[in-house]
Amino acid sequence: MTSHDVVSRARKALGTRKIGHAGTLDPMATGLLILGVEGATRLLTYLVGLDKTYLATIRLGAETTTDDAEGEIVATAAPERIAAIVDDAIASGIAALTGEISQVPSTVSAIKVNGRRAYDLARAGEQVELKAREVTVSRFEVRQMRRADDAIELDVVVDCSSGTYIRALARDLGAGLGIGGHLTALRRTRIGRFDVDDAIAPDEIDASRLRGAAEVAERAVGRIDVSADEARDLRHGKRLEGAADRLPGTVAAAIDPDGRLVGIVERRGAALKSAMNMPEGAE
C-alpha cells in the first residue's frame, strides 16, 4: 500500500478531499504515516522535517537498479568475496555512515528534478543525477546478522534526520565493502514524538480516531499558552511585542485558553509573530 492509497482510503472514510500526508512511504515500506485533515493540513510542513526511526533489512552481496528489492539485480559478488567480509569490516562501514554524512539519494526517490519526480524520470529511462545532501544518522545499529554463501543480511535500526534515504545507506554500505548492497525491508516506526505503536490501521480510519490539532502541534514543536486577547491579535496578523522570551525553541504552537490551536508562532526580534494560523473554529 502506497501513501497515495492510504490518503485515498482516508478521503472515503472521512468524506473529504482535503487530506495530505507528512512524508511519503515507498510501496515496499510499511509503518507510520501521519495524515493531516482539513485545516490541519497546514501543520504538515512542521511534521515532515522531524527526525525519524526505521527498522530495515539490508542484503549485502548484490546491487540493484533501485537500491532495494524492487529493482533488477545489476551486479553480484562472488561467494568467496562475501565470505571474506568480517564483522569488524561491517561495523567500520556502518560507523562511516553514522553521524553527519553527505548522501546521494537513490535515483528512484521522490526528489523533483526540473519539476519532475526522480523516480518518474528513472522509470522513463532518462539519466538521473542527484546532488549529494547533508543528513544526520544518529543511530545505525545492527540488531541481527545472517550469513549465507550468496549474501549477508543485516536487520538494522536507524535514527536519522528528515531527508535521509535508508536505501542509500544500504547501497553505500555495500559499495564501501566492495560487495554491493540493497534494501529488502523497511518499516518506519517513529516521526518526531509520534510512534507507530499509537497509530491505527488504514481500515480503522474514522472521525472519532482523529487527534486534535493542538495536541499534534504541541507534540511536534512545543507550546506556549496565550490569552484570549493575544489569540485574537495573532489571528489578525498582529505581533506579540516583548513575548519572544516565552518561545521554548525556534517555533511553538500557540494554544488559546479554550485549548484550541491558534497557529505556529516564531520569533521576530523581541516579538512573536504567526508563521501559520489555523482556521478559526478548527479542531
Protein backbone atom coordinates (compact mmCIF):
# COMPACT_ATOMS: atom_id res chain seq x y z
CA MET A 1 0.00 0.00 0.00
CA THR A 2 1.40 3.38 -1.03
CA SER A 3 0.97 6.73 0.74
CA HIS A 4 -1.49 7.67 -2.01
CA ASP A 5 -3.54 4.53 -1.28
CA VAL A 6 -3.78 5.46 2.41
CA VAL A 7 -4.85 9.02 1.60
CA SER A 8 -7.49 7.66 -0.79
CA ARG A 9 -8.92 5.42 1.94
CA ALA A 10 -8.94 8.30 4.40
CA ARG A 11 -10.78 10.56 1.95
CA LYS A 12 -13.52 7.96 1.56
CA ALA A 13 -13.73 7.22 5.29
CA LEU A 14 -13.84 10.88 6.34
CA GLY A 15 -15.83 12.27 3.42
CA THR A 16 -13.35 14.99 2.46
CA ARG A 17 -10.83 15.59 -0.29
CA LYS A 18 -8.67 17.87 1.86
CA ILE A 19 -6.19 15.34 3.25
CA GLY A 20 -2.40 15.34 2.98
CA HIS A 21 0.43 13.33 4.47
CA ALA A 22 3.76 14.08 6.12
CA GLY A 23 6.42 12.08 4.32
CA THR A 24 5.98 9.53 1.56
CA LEU A 25 6.21 5.81 2.24
CA ASP A 26 7.60 3.76 -0.64
CA PRO A 27 5.39 0.90 -1.90
CA MET A 28 7.83 -1.59 -0.34
CA ALA A 29 7.78 0.19 3.04
CA THR A 30 5.37 -0.18 5.94
CA GLY A 31 4.87 1.66 9.19
CA LEU A 32 3.91 5.12 10.34
CA LEU A 33 2.26 7.70 8.07
CA ILE A 34 0.88 10.93 9.52
CA LEU A 35 -2.18 12.41 7.80
CA GLY A 36 -3.50 15.95 8.07
CA VAL A 37 -7.23 16.52 7.59
CA GLU A 38 -8.98 19.74 6.54
CA GLY A 39 -7.37 22.77 8.23
CA ALA A 40 -4.78 20.58 9.95
CA THR A 41 -3.06 20.05 6.60
CA ARG A 42 -1.37 23.37 7.44
CA LEU A 43 0.57 21.55 10.17
CA LEU A 44 2.14 19.01 7.83
CA THR A 45 5.06 21.25 6.93
CA TYR A 46 6.11 21.19 10.60
CA LEU A 47 5.90 17.38 10.74
CA VAL A 48 7.77 16.50 7.55
CA GLY A 49 11.09 17.76 8.90
CA LEU A 50 11.04 15.79 12.16
CA ASP A 51 13.63 13.08 12.87
CA LYS A 52 12.60 9.53 12.09
CA THR A 53 13.32 5.93 13.12
CA TYR A 54 13.34 2.98 10.74
CA LEU A 55 13.71 -0.78 11.05
CA ALA A 56 15.29 -2.20 7.92
CA THR A 57 16.87 -5.27 6.41
CA ILE A 58 19.97 -4.81 4.26
CA ARG A 59 21.16 -7.53 1.93
CA LEU A 60 24.88 -7.35 1.18
CA GLY A 61 26.23 -9.11 -1.88
CA ALA A 62 24.17 -7.64 -4.72
CA GLU A 63 23.39 -4.24 -6.26
CA THR A 64 20.03 -3.35 -7.81
CA THR A 65 18.80 -0.59 -10.09
CA THR A 66 16.64 0.92 -7.34
CA ASP A 67 18.85 0.20 -4.31
CA ASP A 68 16.06 -2.03 -2.99
CA ALA A 69 14.46 -5.40 -3.69
CA GLU A 70 12.01 -3.97 -6.24
CA GLY A 71 14.77 -3.26 -8.75
CA GLU A 72 16.69 -5.53 -11.07
CA ILE A 73 19.96 -7.02 -9.87
CA VAL A 74 22.81 -5.47 -11.82
CA ALA A 75 25.84 -6.94 -10.03
CA THR A 76 26.57 -9.75 -7.57
CA ALA A 77 29.63 -10.59 -5.51
CA ALA A 78 31.39 -13.95 -5.60
CA PRO A 79 30.72 -16.22 -2.59
CA GLU A 80 34.38 -16.15 -1.58
CA ARG A 81 34.35 -12.35 -1.60
CA ILE A 82 31.26 -12.30 0.62
CA ALA A 83 32.80 -14.84 2.99
CA ALA A 84 35.88 -12.65 3.34
CA ILE A 85 33.85 -9.79 4.84
CA VAL A 86 34.40 -9.99 8.60
CA ASP A 87 32.12 -8.50 11.24
CA ASP A 88 34.61 -5.75 12.06
CA ALA A 89 34.57 -4.58 8.44
CA ILE A 90 30.79 -4.28 8.55
CA ALA A 91 30.99 -2.37 11.83
CA SER A 92 33.56 0.01 10.33
CA GLY A 93 31.38 0.54 7.27
CA ILE A 94 28.40 1.37 9.44
CA ALA A 95 30.47 3.73 11.58
CA ALA A 96 31.49 5.62 8.43
CA LEU A 97 27.80 6.13 7.62
CA THR A 98 26.90 7.36 11.11
CA GLY A 99 26.84 10.99 12.22
CA GLU A 100 26.72 13.92 9.82
CA ILE A 101 27.27 12.47 6.36
CA SER A 102 26.97 13.50 2.72
CA GLN A 103 24.49 11.23 0.93
CA VAL A 104 23.43 10.97 -2.71
CA PRO A 105 19.73 10.00 -2.75
CA SER A 106 18.54 6.99 -4.72
CA THR A 107 17.66 7.72 -8.34
CA VAL A 108 14.14 6.43 -7.67
CA SER A 109 13.50 8.91 -4.87
CA ALA A 110 10.64 11.43 -4.83
CA ILE A 111 13.02 14.38 -5.24
CA LYS A 112 11.99 16.72 -8.04
CA VAL A 113 14.36 17.38 -10.94
CA ASN A 114 13.21 20.22 -13.20
CA GLY A 115 9.69 19.81 -11.91
CA ARG A 116 9.50 16.03 -12.30
CA ARG A 117 9.97 13.29 -9.71
CA ALA A 118 13.29 11.48 -9.96
CA TYR A 119 11.55 8.10 -9.94
CA ASP A 120 9.39 9.10 -12.92
CA LEU A 121 12.49 10.12 -14.88
CA ALA A 122 14.32 6.92 -13.95
CA ARG A 123 11.38 4.71 -14.90
CA ALA A 124 11.14 6.54 -18.23
CA GLY A 125 14.74 5.55 -18.93
CA GLU A 126 16.18 9.04 -18.53
CA GLN A 127 19.52 9.64 -16.88
CA VAL A 128 19.09 10.99 -13.34
CA GLU A 129 21.90 12.67 -11.46
CA LEU A 130 21.06 13.87 -7.96
CA LYS A 131 23.26 16.09 -5.84
CA ALA A 132 24.62 14.91 -2.50
CA ARG A 133 22.93 16.33 0.57
CA GLU A 134 23.97 16.61 4.18
CA VAL A 135 21.98 14.36 6.53
CA THR A 136 22.44 13.12 10.08
CA VAL A 137 22.34 9.45 11.06
CA SER A 138 22.36 9.47 14.86
CA ARG A 139 21.99 5.69 15.21
CA PHE A 140 22.81 2.90 12.74
CA GLU A 141 22.76 -0.30 14.72
CA VAL A 142 22.79 -3.96 13.71
CA ARG A 143 20.18 -5.98 15.57
CA GLN A 144 20.80 -9.30 13.83
CA MET A 145 23.14 -10.71 11.18
CA ARG A 146 22.60 -13.76 8.96
CA ARG A 147 25.27 -15.18 6.68
CA ALA A 148 24.77 -17.32 3.58
CA ASP A 149 27.01 -18.24 0.66
CA ASP A 150 25.50 -15.56 -1.58
CA ALA A 151 24.65 -12.80 0.90
CA ILE A 152 24.95 -11.25 4.34
CA GLU A 153 21.65 -9.98 5.74
CA LEU A 154 21.55 -7.30 8.42
CA ASP A 155 18.49 -6.31 10.44
CA VAL A 156 19.18 -2.73 11.50
CA VAL A 157 17.59 0.19 13.32
CA VAL A 158 18.28 3.72 12.09
CA ASP A 159 17.57 7.07 13.75
CA CYS A 160 18.04 9.85 11.22
CA SER A 161 17.19 13.36 10.15
CA SER A 162 14.47 14.09 7.65
CA GLY A 163 15.64 13.55 4.07
CA THR A 164 17.82 10.51 4.85
CA TYR A 165 17.38 7.61 2.45
CA ILE A 166 17.75 4.18 4.05
CA ARG A 167 18.10 2.62 0.60
CA ALA A 168 21.11 4.84 0.05
CA LEU A 169 22.63 3.66 3.35
CA ALA A 170 22.26 0.05 2.16
CA ARG A 171 23.77 0.90 -1.22
CA ASP A 172 26.68 2.83 0.28
CA LEU A 173 27.43 0.20 2.93
CA GLY A 174 27.64 -2.48 0.25
CA ALA A 175 29.73 -0.27 -2.01
CA GLY A 176 32.16 0.51 0.80
CA LEU A 177 32.61 -3.20 1.49
CA GLY A 178 33.12 -3.90 -2.20
CA ILE A 179 30.28 -6.43 -2.49
CA GLY A 180 27.23 -4.27 -3.21
CA GLY A 181 24.10 -3.92 -1.14
CA HIS A 182 20.42 -3.12 -1.27
CA LEU A 183 17.38 -2.85 0.97
CA THR A 184 14.92 -5.75 1.29
CA ALA A 185 12.58 -4.49 4.04
CA LEU A 186 11.76 -1.09 5.56
CA ARG A 187 9.42 -0.04 8.34
CA ARG A 188 9.09 3.49 9.71
CA THR A 189 8.40 3.32 13.43
CA ARG A 190 8.72 6.93 14.57
CA ILE A 191 8.32 10.51 13.32
CA GLY A 192 9.39 13.01 15.98
CA ARG A 193 7.35 12.18 19.09
CA PHE A 194 4.82 10.12 17.12
CA ASP A 195 5.20 6.33 17.32
CA VAL A 196 3.77 3.59 15.13
CA ASP A 197 2.51 1.78 18.24
CA ASP A 198 -0.01 4.61 18.70
CA ALA A 199 -1.18 4.52 15.08
CA ILE A 200 -4.32 2.94 13.65
CA ALA A 201 -4.69 0.69 10.60
CA PRO A 202 -5.97 2.19 7.33
CA ASP A 203 -9.25 0.29 7.64
CA GLU A 204 -9.84 1.78 11.12
CA ILE A 205 -9.91 5.41 9.98
CA ASP A 206 -12.93 7.39 11.16
CA ALA A 207 -13.56 10.86 12.56
CA SER A 208 -13.57 9.64 16.18
CA ARG A 209 -9.96 8.50 15.85
CA LEU A 210 -8.57 11.87 14.76
CA ARG A 211 -6.20 13.71 17.09
CA GLY A 212 -6.77 17.39 17.79
CA ALA A 213 -4.58 19.92 16.01
CA ALA A 214 -3.47 21.46 19.32
CA GLU A 215 -2.23 18.10 20.68
CA VAL A 216 -0.35 17.30 17.48
CA ALA A 217 1.23 20.74 17.20
CA GLU A 218 2.37 20.67 20.83
CA ARG A 219 3.99 17.25 20.39
CA ALA A 220 5.67 18.38 17.20
CA VAL A 221 7.07 21.80 18.16
CA GLY A 222 6.22 22.53 21.80
CA ARG A 223 3.70 25.09 23.05
CA ILE A 224 3.10 28.46 24.59
CA ASP A 225 -0.19 29.47 26.18
CA VAL A 226 -1.73 32.73 25.01
CA SER A 227 -4.59 34.80 26.40
CA ALA A 228 -7.81 35.37 24.50
CA ASP A 229 -6.62 38.86 23.55
CA GLU A 230 -3.25 37.52 22.36
CA ALA A 231 -5.00 34.79 20.37
CA ARG A 232 -7.18 37.42 18.67
CA ASP A 233 -4.13 39.54 17.84
CA LEU A 234 -2.25 36.59 16.36
CA ARG A 235 -5.25 35.59 14.25
CA HIS A 236 -5.41 39.17 12.94
CA GLY A 237 -1.76 39.13 11.97
CA LYS A 238 -0.50 41.27 14.84
CA ARG A 239 2.73 40.63 16.71
CA LEU A 240 3.01 39.95 20.41
CA GLU A 241 5.57 42.57 21.38
CA GLY A 242 8.14 41.60 24.01
CA ALA A 243 6.95 37.97 24.07
CA ALA A 244 9.89 36.28 22.30
CA ASP A 245 11.35 35.01 25.59
CA ARG A 246 8.30 32.78 26.03
CA LEU A 247 9.32 30.72 22.99
CA PRO A 248 10.89 27.36 24.02
CA GLY A 249 12.58 26.84 20.64
CA THR A 250 12.59 28.33 17.18
CA VAL A 251 8.81 27.89 16.78
CA ALA A 252 5.96 26.77 19.03
CA ALA A 253 2.25 26.07 18.99
CA ALA A 254 0.19 28.94 20.39
CA ILE A 255 -2.71 27.50 22.40
CA ASP A 256 -5.65 29.67 23.49
CA PRO A 257 -7.47 29.44 26.87
CA ASP A 258 -10.01 27.02 25.36
CA GLY A 259 -7.23 24.62 24.35
CA ARG A 260 -7.50 25.41 20.64
CA LEU A 261 -4.55 25.84 18.36
CA VAL A 262 -4.22 29.44 17.22
CA GLY A 263 -1.25 28.67 15.00
CA ILE A 264 2.51 28.28 14.94
CA VAL A 265 4.45 31.31 16.16
CA GLU A 266 8.06 32.29 15.56
CA ARG A 267 10.47 34.88 16.91
CA ARG A 268 10.72 38.28 15.22
CA GLY A 269 13.24 40.26 17.25
CA ALA A 270 11.73 40.67 20.71
CA ALA A 271 8.25 39.86 19.40
CA LEU A 272 6.32 36.76 18.43
CA LYS A 273 4.54 36.53 15.10
CA SER A 274 2.35 33.86 13.49
CA ALA A 275 4.17 31.76 10.94
CA MET A 276 0.94 29.85 10.31
CA ASN A 277 -2.59 30.43 11.56
CA MET A 278 -5.26 27.74 11.86
CA PRO A 279 -8.73 28.50 10.51
CA GLU A 280 -10.90 29.81 13.34
CA GLY A 281 -13.08 27.06 14.78
CA ALA A 282 -10.78 24.28 13.51
CA GLU A 283 -10.14 21.48 15.98
